[in-house]
Amino acid sequence: MDVLIGKKGAMAYVLAVVTGFNAENEVVIKARGRNISKAVDVAEIIRNRFLQEAKV
């Protein structure tokens, strides 16, 4: 499953990724341009708060 980072807030994408992990073993976070920093923030929030066993 791929999650494309865009204009929404970071927590909306965190929810999408956590939901994706319930259905699949692998979720890819994708972003372009200015949204790359938001994608990194989403990955760090997931890694630190929600899924400590997630591999980034």
PDB file of N, CA and C in Angstrom:
ATOM      1  N   MET A   1       0.846  -1.178   0.000  1.00  0.00           N
ATOM      2  CA  MET A   1       0.000   0.000   0.000  1.00  0.00           C
ATOM      3  C   MET A   1       0.888   1.236   0.000  1.00  0.00           C
ATOM      4  N   ASP A   2       0.513   2.214  -0.796  1.00  0.00           N
ATOM      5  CA  ASP A   2       1.242   3.476  -0.851  1.00  0.00           C
ATOM      6  C   ASP A   2       0.383   4.584  -0.248  1.00  0.00           C
ATOM      7  N   VAL A   3       1.014   5.450   0.536  1.00  0.00           N
ATOM      8  CA  VAL A   3       0.347   6.638   1.070  1.00  0.00           C
ATOM      9  C   VAL A   3       1.055   7.838   0.462  1.00  0.00           C
ATOM     10  N   LEU A   4       0.304   8.636  -0.295  1.00  0.00           N
ATOM     11  CA  LEU A   4       0.861   9.814  -0.943  1.00  0.00           C
ATOM     12  C   LEU A   4       0.618  11.028  -0.056  1.00  0.00           C
ATOM     13  N   ILE A   5       1.694  11.694   0.336  1.00  0.00           N
ATOM     14  CA  ILE A   5       1.614  12.849   1.225  1.00  0.00           C
ATOM     15  C   ILE A   5       1.290  14.086   0.401  1.00  0.00           C
ATOM     16  N   GLY A   6       0.308  14.870   0.874  1.00  0.00           N
ATOM     17  CA  GLY A   6      -0.108  16.071   0.160  1.00  0.00           C
ATOM     18  C   GLY A   6      -0.404  17.221   1.096  1.00  0.00           C
ATOM     19  N   LYS A   7      -1.576  17.839   0.926  1.00  0.00           N
ATOM     20  CA  LYS A   7      -1.925  19.075   1.632  1.00  0.00           C
ATOM     21  C   LYS A   7      -2.505  18.872   3.023  1.00  0.00           C
ATOM     22  N   LYS A   8      -2.981  17.693   3.333  1.00  0.00           N
ATOM     23  CA  LYS A   8      -3.625  17.456   4.631  1.00  0.00           C
ATOM     24  C   LYS A   8      -2.602  17.516   5.758  1.00  0.00           C
ATOM     25  N   GLY A   9      -3.114  17.528   6.971  1.00  0.00           N
ATOM     26  CA  GLY A   9      -2.243  17.529   8.139  1.00  0.00           C
ATOM     27  C   GLY A   9      -1.544  16.190   8.318  1.00  0.00           C
ATOM     28  N   ALA A  10      -0.469  16.193   9.060  1.00  0.00           N
ATOM     29  CA  ALA A  10       0.343  14.990   9.235  1.00  0.00           C
ATOM     30  C   ALA A  10      -0.438  13.862   9.895  1.00  0.00           C
ATOM     31  N   MET A  11      -1.298  14.189  10.856  1.00  0.00           N
ATOM     32  CA  MET A  11      -2.020  13.138  11.572  1.00  0.00           C
ATOM     33  C   MET A  11      -3.006  12.395  10.676  1.00  0.00           C
ATOM     34  N   ALA A  12      -3.498  13.016   9.635  1.00  0.00           N
ATOM     35  CA  ALA A  12      -4.371  12.321   8.682  1.00  0.00           C
ATOM     36  C   ALA A  12      -3.595  11.213   7.978  1.00  0.00           C
ATOM     37  N   TYR A  13      -2.349  11.484   7.652  1.00  0.00           N
ATOM     38  CA  TYR A  13      -1.518  10.483   6.989  1.00  0.00           C
ATOM     39  C   TYR A  13      -1.043   9.420   7.968  1.00  0.00           C
ATOM     40  N   VAL A  14      -0.820   9.801   9.213  1.00  0.00           N
ATOM     41  CA  VAL A  14      -0.465   8.818  10.242  1.00  0.00           C
ATOM     42  C   VAL A  14      -1.594   7.807  10.375  1.00  0.00           C
ATOM     43  N   LEU A  15      -2.828   8.291  10.420  1.00  0.00           N
ATOM     44  CA  LEU A  15      -3.984   7.403  10.513  1.00  0.00           C
ATOM     45  C   LEU A  15      -4.064   6.485   9.297  1.00  0.00           C
ATOM     46  N   ALA A  16      -3.802   7.014   8.113  1.00  0.00           N
ATOM     47  CA  ALA A  16      -3.834   6.205   6.895  1.00  0.00           C
ATOM     48  C   ALA A  16      -2.770   5.111   6.929  1.00  0.00           C
ATOM     49  N   VAL A  17      -1.582   5.436   7.417  1.00  0.00           N
ATOM     50  CA  VAL A  17      -0.500   4.451   7.477  1.00  0.00           C
ATOM     51  C   VAL A  17      -0.804   3.375   8.513  1.00  0.00           C
ATOM     52  N   VAL A  18      -1.297   3.773   9.681  1.00  0.00           N
ATOM     53  CA  VAL A  18      -1.627   2.793  10.721  1.00  0.00           C
ATOM     54  C   VAL A  18      -2.737   1.871  10.231  1.00  0.00           C
ATOM     55  N   THR A  19      -3.729   2.420   9.546  1.00  0.00           N
ATOM     56  CA  THR A  19      -4.793   1.604   8.966  1.00  0.00           C
ATOM     57  C   THR A  19      -4.225   0.661   7.912  1.00  0.00           C
ATOM     58  N   GLY A  20      -3.285   1.144   7.132  1.00  0.00           N
ATOM     59  CA  GLY A  20      -2.648   0.299   6.122  1.00  0.00           C
ATOM     60  C   GLY A  20      -1.875  -0.848   6.731  1.00  0.00           C
ATOM     61  N   PHE A  21      -1.239  -0.616   7.873  1.00  0.00           N
ATOM     62  CA  PHE A  21      -0.501  -1.687   8.542  1.00  0.00           C
ATOM     63  C   PHE A  21      -1.439  -2.759   9.082  1.00  0.00           C
ATOM     64  N   ASN A  22      -2.689  -2.411   9.376  1.00  0.00           N
ATOM     65  CA  ASN A  22      -3.645  -3.419   9.819  1.00  0.00           C
ATOM     66  C   ASN A  22      -4.002  -4.378   8.687  1.00  0.00           C
ATOM     67  N   ALA A  23      -3.976  -3.888   7.444  1.00  0.00           N
ATOM     68  CA  ALA A  23      -4.352  -4.705   6.296  1.00  0.00           C
ATOM     69  C   ALA A  23      -3.158  -5.396   5.643  1.00  0.00           C
ATOM     70  N   GLU A  24      -1.990  -4.775   5.666  1.00  0.00           N
ATOM     71  CA  GLU A  24      -0.826  -5.300   4.960  1.00  0.00           C
ATOM     72  C   GLU A  24       0.408  -5.240   5.851  1.00  0.00           C
ATOM     73  N   ASN A  25       1.463  -5.910   5.407  1.00  0.00           N
ATOM     74  CA  ASN A  25       2.720  -5.920   6.156  1.00  0.00           C
ATOM     75  C   ASN A  25       3.627  -4.758   5.789  1.00  0.00           C
ATOM     76  N   GLU A  26       3.389  -4.141   4.635  1.00  0.00           N
ATOM     77  CA  GLU A  26       4.280  -3.084   4.163  1.00  0.00           C
ATOM     78  C   GLU A  26       3.465  -1.895   3.675  1.00  0.00           C
ATOM     79  N   VAL A  27       3.859  -0.709   4.128  1.00  0.00           N
ATOM     80  CA  VAL A  27       3.235   0.536   3.682  1.00  0.00           C
ATOM     81  C   VAL A  27       4.359   1.466   3.244  1.00  0.00           C
ATOM     82  N   VAL A  28       4.218   2.048   2.052  1.00  0.00           N
ATOM     83  CA  VAL A  28       5.221   2.957   1.507  1.00  0.00           C
ATOM     84  C   VAL A  28       4.676   4.379   1.594  1.00  0.00           C
ATOM     85  N   ILE A  29       5.465   5.269   2.188  1.00  0.00           N
ATOM     86  CA  ILE A  29       5.090   6.680   2.291  1.00  0.00           C
ATOM     87  C   ILE A  29       5.813   7.419   1.170  1.00  0.00           C
ATOM     88  N   LYS A  30       5.035   8.081   0.304  1.00  0.00           N
ATOM     89  CA  LYS A  30       5.614   8.780  -0.842  1.00  0.00           C
ATOM     90  C   LYS A  30       5.293  10.267  -0.776  1.00  0.00           C
ATOM     91  N   ALA A  31       6.261  11.093  -1.184  1.00  0.00           N
ATOM     92  CA  ALA A  31       6.053  12.540  -1.234  1.00  0.00           C
ATOM     93  C   ALA A  31       6.996  13.146  -2.259  1.00  0.00           C
ATOM     94  N   ARG A  32       6.634  14.336  -2.712  1.00  0.00           N
ATOM     95  CA  ARG A  32       7.474  15.073  -3.649  1.00  0.00           C
ATOM     96  C   ARG A  32       7.596  16.511  -3.182  1.00  0.00           C
ATOM     97  N   GLY A  33       8.738  17.107  -3.470  1.00  0.00           N
ATOM     98  CA  GLY A  33       8.929  18.535  -3.223  1.00  0.00           C
ATOM     99  C   GLY A  33       8.834  18.932  -1.766  1.00  0.00           C
ATOM    100  N   ARG A  34       8.002  19.919  -1.495  1.00  0.00           N
ATOM    101  CA  ARG A  34       7.871  20.465  -0.140  1.00  0.00           C
ATOM    102  C   ARG A  34       7.292  19.469   0.850  1.00  0.00           C
ATOM    103  N   ASN A  35       6.611  18.462   0.355  1.00  0.00           N
ATOM    104  CA  ASN A  35       5.953  17.503   1.237  1.00  0.00           C
ATOM    105  C   ASN A  35       6.885  16.412   1.756  1.00  0.00           C
ATOM    106  N   ILE A  36       8.126  16.398   1.319  1.00  0.00           N
ATOM    107  CA  ILE A  36       9.067  15.383   1.794  1.00  0.00           C
ATOM    108  C   ILE A  36       9.287  15.523   3.296  1.00  0.00           C
ATOM    109  N   SER A  37       9.388  16.743   3.783  1.00  0.00           N
ATOM    110  CA  SER A  37       9.591  16.928   5.226  1.00  0.00           C
ATOM    111  C   SER A  37       8.375  16.439   6.013  1.00  0.00           C
ATOM    112  N   LYS A  38       7.182  16.611   5.474  1.00  0.00           N
ATOM    113  CA  LYS A  38       5.982  16.105   6.136  1.00  0.00           C
ATOM    114  C   LYS A  38       5.983  14.575   6.133  1.00  0.00           C
ATOM    115  N   ALA A  39       6.461  13.965   5.052  1.00  0.00           N
ATOM    116  CA  ALA A  39       6.541  12.504   4.987  1.00  0.00           C
ATOM    117  C   ALA A  39       7.505  11.969   6.041  1.00  0.00           C
ATOM    118  N   VAL A  40       8.611  12.657   6.247  1.00  0.00           N
ATOM    119  CA  VAL A  40       9.565  12.254   7.285  1.00  0.00           C
ATOM    120  C   VAL A  40       8.923  12.405   8.659  1.00  0.00           C
ATOM    121  N   ASP A  41       8.187  13.487   8.868  1.00  0.00           N
ATOM    122  CA  ASP A  41       7.483  13.683  10.139  1.00  0.00           C
ATOM    123  C   ASP A  41       6.483  12.558  10.390  1.00  0.00           C
ATOM    124  N   VAL A  42       5.732  12.178   9.361  1.00  0.00           N
ATOM    125  CA  VAL A  42       4.763  11.086   9.493  1.00  0.00           C
ATOM    126  C   VAL A  42       5.471   9.791   9.864  1.00  0.00           C
ATOM    127  N   ALA A  43       6.574   9.499   9.196  1.00  0.00           N
ATOM    128  CA  ALA A  43       7.320   8.272   9.498  1.00  0.00           C
ATOM    129  C   ALA A  43       7.844   8.279  10.930  1.00  0.00           C
ATOM    130  N   GLU A  44       8.327   9.411  11.396  1.00  0.00           N
ATOM    131  CA  GLU A  44       8.849   9.501  12.760  1.00  0.00           C
ATOM    132  C   GLU A  44       7.733   9.388  13.798  1.00  0.00           C
ATOM    133  N   ILE A  45       6.583   9.997  13.534  1.00  0.00           N
ATOM    134  CA  ILE A  45       5.453   9.878  14.460  1.00  0.00           C
ATOM    135  C   ILE A  45       5.030   8.422  14.571  1.00  0.00           C
ATOM    136  N   ILE A  46       4.958   7.743  13.452  1.00  0.00           N
ATOM    137  CA  ILE A  46       4.562   6.327  13.468  1.00  0.00           C
ATOM    138  C   ILE A  46       5.590   5.503  14.217  1.00  0.00           C
ATOM    139  N   ARG A  47       6.843   5.756  13.941  1.00  0.00           N
ATOM    140  CA  ARG A  47       7.906   4.958  14.558  1.00  0.00           C
ATOM    141  C   ARG A  47       7.986   5.191  16.060  1.00  0.00           C
ATOM    142  N   ASN A  48       7.807   6.419  16.509  1.00  0.00           N
ATOM    143  CA  ASN A  48       7.995   6.737  17.922  1.00  0.00           C
ATOM    144  C   ASN A  48       6.744   6.562  18.774  1.00  0.00           C
ATOM    145  N   ARG A  49       5.564   6.816  18.221  1.00  0.00           N
ATOM    146  CA  ARG A  49       4.346   6.802  19.033  1.00  0.00           C
ATOM    147  C   ARG A  49       3.493   5.562  18.855  1.00  0.00           C
ATOM    148  N   PHE A  50       3.369   5.073  17.627  1.00  0.00           N
ATOM    149  CA  PHE A  50       2.371   4.049  17.352  1.00  0.00           C
ATOM    150  C   PHE A  50       2.962   2.657  17.175  1.00  0.00           C
ATOM    151  N   LEU A  51       3.880   2.505  16.277  1.00  0.00           N
ATOM    152  CA  LEU A  51       4.391   1.181  15.932  1.00  0.00           C
ATOM    153  C   LEU A  51       5.899   1.141  16.147  1.00  0.00           C
ATOM    154  N   GLN A  52       6.309   0.833  17.362  1.00  0.00           N
ATOM    155  CA  GLN A  52       7.738   0.812  17.658  1.00  0.00           C
ATOM    156  C   GLN A  52       8.463  -0.274  16.869  1.00  0.00           C
ATOM    157  N   GLU A  53       7.752  -1.332  16.481  1.00  0.00           N
ATOM    158  CA  GLU A  53       8.392  -2.413  15.738  1.00  0.00           C
ATOM    159  C   GLU A  53       8.453  -2.139  14.238  1.00  0.00           C
ATOM    160  N   ALA A  54       7.897  -0.992  13.790  1.00  0.00           N
ATOM    161  CA  ALA A  54       7.899  -0.660  12.368  1.00  0.00           C
ATOM    162  C   ALA A  54       9.321  -0.362  11.901  1.00  0.00           C
ATOM    163  N   LYS A  55       9.645  -0.866  10.721  1.00  0.00           N
ATOM    164  CA  LYS A  55      10.961  -0.634  10.127  1.00  0.00           C
ATOM    165  C   LYS A  55      10.855   0.537   9.160  1.00  0.00           C
ATOM    166  N   VAL A  56      11.724   1.532   9.359  1.00  0.00           N
ATOM    167  CA  VAL A  56      11.704   2.718   8.499  1.00  0.00           C
ATOM    168  C   VAL A  56      12.931   2.699   7.625  1.00  0.00           C
TER     169      VAL A  56
END
